[in-house]
Protein backbone atom coordinates (compact mmCIF):
# COMPACT_ATOMS: atom_id res chain seq x y z
CA MET A 1 94.66 182.27 -67.36
CA GLU A 2 91.94 183.96 -66.16
CA PRO A 3 90.71 184.82 -62.16
CA PRO A 4 87.13 183.17 -61.68
CA ALA A 5 84.60 185.18 -62.28
CA SER A 6 82.80 184.69 -59.10
CA THR A 7 85.71 186.95 -57.93
CA ALA A 8 84.15 189.52 -54.99
CA VAL A 9 86.28 193.22 -55.93
CA VAL A 10 86.34 195.06 -52.60
CA ASP A 11 89.91 196.83 -53.07
CA THR A 12 92.67 196.73 -55.83
CA VAL A 13 95.19 198.42 -53.17
CA GLY A 14 97.47 195.95 -52.91
CA ALA A 15 96.73 192.96 -55.78
CA GLY A 16 99.80 194.05 -57.25
CA ASP A 17 102.52 193.71 -54.60
CA ALA A 18 100.63 190.55 -53.55
CA PHE A 19 101.00 188.76 -57.35
CA ALA A 20 104.94 189.94 -57.30
CA ALA A 21 105.61 188.35 -53.65
CA LEU A 22 104.04 185.21 -54.70
CA LEU A 23 106.27 185.71 -57.70
CA LEU A 24 108.98 186.01 -55.77
CA LEU A 25 108.52 183.16 -52.95
CA GLY A 26 107.82 180.44 -56.20
CA LEU A 27 111.20 181.35 -58.15
CA SER A 28 113.14 181.62 -54.36
CA LYS A 29 111.36 178.04 -53.65
CA GLN A 30 111.58 176.64 -57.39
CA TRP A 31 107.94 175.65 -58.03
CA PRO A 32 107.64 175.48 -61.36
CA LEU A 33 106.38 178.37 -62.73
CA THR A 34 102.82 177.16 -64.28
CA VAL A 35 102.46 176.76 -60.15
CA THR A 36 103.95 179.44 -59.17
CA LEU A 37 101.64 182.05 -62.02
CA GLU A 38 98.32 180.22 -60.57
CA ARG A 39 99.24 180.63 -56.73
CA ALA A 40 100.16 184.44 -57.05
CA GLN A 41 96.83 184.54 -59.15
CA THR A 42 95.33 182.64 -56.54
CA PHE A 43 96.81 184.68 -53.21
CA ALA A 44 96.06 188.41 -55.56
CA CYS A 45 92.44 187.14 -56.60
CA ALA A 46 91.62 186.81 -52.31
CA LEU A 47 93.18 190.10 -51.64
CA VAL A 48 91.04 192.02 -53.40
CA GLY A 49 88.07 190.43 -51.56
CA ARG A 50 89.30 192.52 -48.84
CA ARG A 51 89.62 196.34 -47.97
CA GLY A 52 93.28 198.00 -48.19
CA ALA A 53 96.82 196.07 -48.59
CA THR A 54 97.28 193.83 -46.47
CA VAL A 55 95.07 191.80 -43.86
CA ALA A 56 95.32 191.81 -39.67
CA ASP A 57 93.74 188.38 -39.61
CA ARG A 58 96.67 186.10 -39.57
CA ALA A 59 94.17 183.05 -40.57
CA PHE A 60 94.22 184.67 -44.16
CA TYR A 61 97.64 184.36 -44.32
CA ARG A 62 97.69 180.81 -42.50
CA ALA A 63 95.13 178.86 -44.54
CA PHE A 64 97.90 180.03 -47.90
CA SER A 65 100.91 178.59 -45.83
CA GLU A 66 99.36 175.44 -44.80
CA GLN A 67 98.10 174.94 -48.70
CA TRP A 68 101.57 175.31 -49.85
CA GLY A 69 103.36 173.36 -46.98
CA LEU A 70 105.42 176.85 -46.20
């Protein structure tokens, strides 16, 4: 599984932590492993498009929460 070629990389700080956080969330929610890995990659790819390890805009996180039924 590779990130989309169109992924715009601005800053990689926090990408590994974002991936690991989603991996742990998926395991705790008992998502299938393929779903968990896809979501972790999607989240990390979205984060590298922003500057810094976290995003101040709550809408960034809300979009994932709503899409994944959290």
